[in-house]
Protein backbone atom coordinates (compact mmCIF):
# COMPACT_ATOMS: atom_id res chain seq x y z
CA UNK A 1 19.50 -27.69 0.63
CA UNK A 2 19.49 -26.59 -3.22
CA UNK A 3 20.04 -23.33 -4.19
CA UNK A 4 17.95 -21.37 -7.03
CA UNK A 5 18.97 -19.18 -8.88
CA UNK A 6 15.88 -17.15 -6.80
CA UNK A 7 17.65 -17.91 -3.61
CA UNK A 8 21.26 -16.39 -4.77
CA UNK A 9 19.95 -13.01 -5.47
CA UNK A 10 17.39 -12.93 -2.02
CA UNK A 11 20.48 -13.93 -0.38
CA UNK A 12 21.88 -10.90 -1.69
CA UNK A 13 18.85 -8.80 -1.45
CA UNK A 14 18.55 -9.24 1.69
CA UNK A 15 22.22 -7.86 2.84
CA UNK A 16 22.31 -4.34 0.61
CA UNK A 17 21.11 -0.79 2.73
CA UNK A 18 17.84 -0.18 3.26
CA UNK A 19 17.33 2.04 0.23
CA UNK A 20 18.94 -0.42 -1.75
CA UNK A 21 16.08 -3.43 -0.34
CA UNK A 22 14.26 -0.40 -0.74
CA UNK A 23 14.44 0.14 -4.94
CA UNK A 24 14.81 -3.41 -5.34
CA UNK A 25 10.90 -4.14 -3.52
CA UNK A 26 9.82 -1.05 -5.95
CA UNK A 27 11.14 -2.40 -8.87
CA UNK A 28 9.78 -5.83 -8.03
CA UNK A 29 6.92 -4.99 -7.07
CA UNK A 30 6.37 -2.96 -10.38
CA UNK A 31 6.60 -5.74 -12.58
CA UNK A 32 3.69 -7.16 -10.50
CA UNK A 33 1.75 -5.03 -11.93
CA UNK A 34 -0.19 -4.26 -14.95
CA UNK A 35 -0.04 -1.83 -16.97
CA UNK A 36 -1.22 1.56 -15.86
CA UNK A 37 -4.11 2.59 -17.68
CA UNK A 38 -3.64 6.89 -17.29
CA UNK A 39 -7.96 7.60 -17.10
CA UNK A 40 -7.73 4.91 -13.95
CA UNK A 41 -4.92 7.09 -12.53
CA UNK A 42 -5.76 10.23 -13.60
CA UNK A 43 -9.40 9.89 -12.25
CA UNK A 44 -8.25 8.95 -8.59
CA UNK A 45 -5.34 11.45 -8.52
CA UNK A 46 -8.96 13.54 -8.75
CA UNK A 47 -10.72 11.66 -5.96
CA UNK A 48 -7.41 11.97 -3.81
CA UNK A 49 -7.41 16.02 -3.76
CA UNK A 50 -10.41 16.36 -3.19
CA UNK A 51 -10.39 14.52 -0.03
CA UNK A 52 -7.02 15.57 0.83
CA UNK A 53 -9.24 19.39 0.08
CA UNK A 54 -12.01 17.18 2.46
CA UNK A 55 -10.39 16.49 5.31
CA UNK A 56 -8.14 20.48 5.66
CA UNK A 57 -11.21 22.17 5.04
CA UNK A 58 -12.13 21.08 7.82
CA UNK A 59 -15.46 19.63 5.92
CA UNK A 60 -14.94 15.68 6.80
CA UNK A 61 -13.07 14.82 10.33
CA UNK A 62 -10.48 11.57 10.14
CA UNK A 63 -11.89 8.88 12.93
CA UNK A 64 -9.56 6.52 14.73
CA UNK A 65 -8.55 3.08 12.59
CA UNK A 66 -9.20 1.97 16.80
CA UNK A 67 -13.11 3.24 16.23
CA UNK A 68 -13.64 2.06 13.28
CA UNK A 69 -12.54 -1.07 13.16
CA UNK A 70 -14.58 -1.75 16.52
CA UNK A 71 -17.83 -0.82 14.11
CA UNK A 72 -16.74 -3.23 11.81
CA UNK A 73 -16.64 -6.21 14.34
CA UNK A 74 -20.31 -4.91 15.96
CA UNK A 75 -21.94 -4.83 12.37
CA UNK A 76 -20.56 -8.13 11.03
CA UNK A 77 -21.50 -9.07 14.81
CA UNK A 78 -18.32 -10.63 15.29
CA UNK A 79 -16.62 -11.43 18.44
CA UNK A 80 -12.72 -10.50 19.51
């Protein structure tokens, strides 16, 4: 079986500590992402802050994932 450079790098990466593997994963994922659009990034930041304020104030409430999933299945008429 021929090992590629990627196989060797992966084998080495998997021997690292959790912290180092997370650092490697973050760098690899970032290398795949498109360049950041600062306007979009700022708009998301504003939306996140708004939603956190709504949660903190009690204006909205969280719905457990199980309930959301069940509603989605019912609305889509999908059997589990």
